[in-house]
Protein backbone atom coordinates (compact mmCIF):
# COMPACT_ATOMS: atom_id res chain seq x y z
CA UNK A 1 -17.69 -4.49 21.54
CA UNK A 2 -14.29 -4.47 19.85
CA UNK A 3 -11.39 -3.08 21.88
CA UNK A 4 -8.22 -2.12 20.00
CA UNK A 5 -4.89 -0.86 21.34
CA UNK A 6 -3.56 1.88 19.02
CA UNK A 7 0.04 3.04 18.94
CA UNK A 8 1.26 6.06 17.00
CA UNK A 9 4.78 5.79 15.52
CA UNK A 10 6.25 8.45 13.25
CA UNK A 11 2.82 9.86 12.48
CA UNK A 12 1.32 6.46 11.64
CA UNK A 13 -1.25 4.50 13.59
CA UNK A 14 -0.17 0.94 14.38
CA UNK A 15 -2.34 -1.92 15.62
CA UNK A 16 -1.50 -5.58 16.04
CA UNK A 17 -2.17 -8.04 13.21
CA UNK A 18 -4.75 -9.89 15.33
CA UNK A 19 -6.60 -6.69 16.20
CA UNK A 20 -6.52 -5.67 12.53
CA UNK A 21 -8.05 -9.02 11.51
CA UNK A 22 -10.70 -8.64 14.25
CA UNK A 23 -11.47 -5.14 12.97
CA UNK A 24 -11.90 -6.43 9.42
CA UNK A 25 -14.22 -9.20 10.60
CA UNK A 26 -16.31 -6.65 12.51
CA UNK A 27 -16.39 -4.34 9.47
CA UNK A 28 -17.66 -7.17 7.26
CA UNK A 29 -20.84 -7.48 9.33
CA UNK A 30 -21.39 -3.75 9.84
CA UNK A 31 -22.70 -1.30 7.28
CA UNK A 32 -21.42 1.56 9.44
CA UNK A 33 -17.73 0.68 9.06
CA UNK A 34 -15.69 1.13 5.91
CA UNK A 35 -12.04 0.05 5.90
CA UNK A 36 -9.59 1.48 3.39
CA UNK A 37 -5.88 0.77 3.35
CA UNK A 38 -2.86 2.29 1.67
CA UNK A 39 -0.75 -0.77 2.41
CA UNK A 40 0.27 -1.03 -1.23
CA UNK A 41 0.16 2.69 -2.03
CA UNK A 42 3.93 3.08 -2.49
CA UNK A 43 4.11 -0.07 -4.61
CA UNK A 44 1.23 1.17 -6.75
CA UNK A 45 2.85 4.58 -7.16
CA UNK A 46 6.18 3.04 -8.16
CA UNK A 47 4.52 0.80 -10.74
CA UNK A 48 2.56 3.63 -12.32
CA UNK A 49 5.31 6.26 -12.53
CA UNK A 50 6.33 7.83 -15.80
CA UNK A 51 8.24 5.46 -18.11
CA UNK A 52 10.07 8.23 -19.99
CA UNK A 53 13.27 7.05 -18.29
CA UNK A 54 13.25 3.94 -20.48
CA UNK A 55 12.93 5.94 -23.73
CA UNK A 56 16.66 6.36 -24.28
CA UNK A 57 17.98 6.04 -27.85
CA UNK A 58 21.62 5.53 -26.78
CA UNK A 59 20.72 2.79 -24.33
CA UNK A 60 18.48 1.12 -26.94
CA UNK A 61 21.34 1.15 -29.47
CA UNK A 62 23.80 -0.36 -26.98
CA UNK A 63 21.37 -3.13 -26.01
CA UNK A 64 20.32 -3.84 -29.58
CA UNK A 65 23.95 -4.22 -30.65
CA UNK A 66 25.00 -6.31 -27.66
């Protein structure tokens, strides 16, 4: 049996790093457990945002003539 202490802070569930690693190990051997994480969700969203900001003719002219 795996026992985990869960804390809720600002609407998020927090567990210790060790308990998280134990949970992942347990999930690896169980077909009944699926672990998904959004640890990099904000980084992914930032990297895939619209690049229209960079399409700026004035800025391109300034940089090309620098």
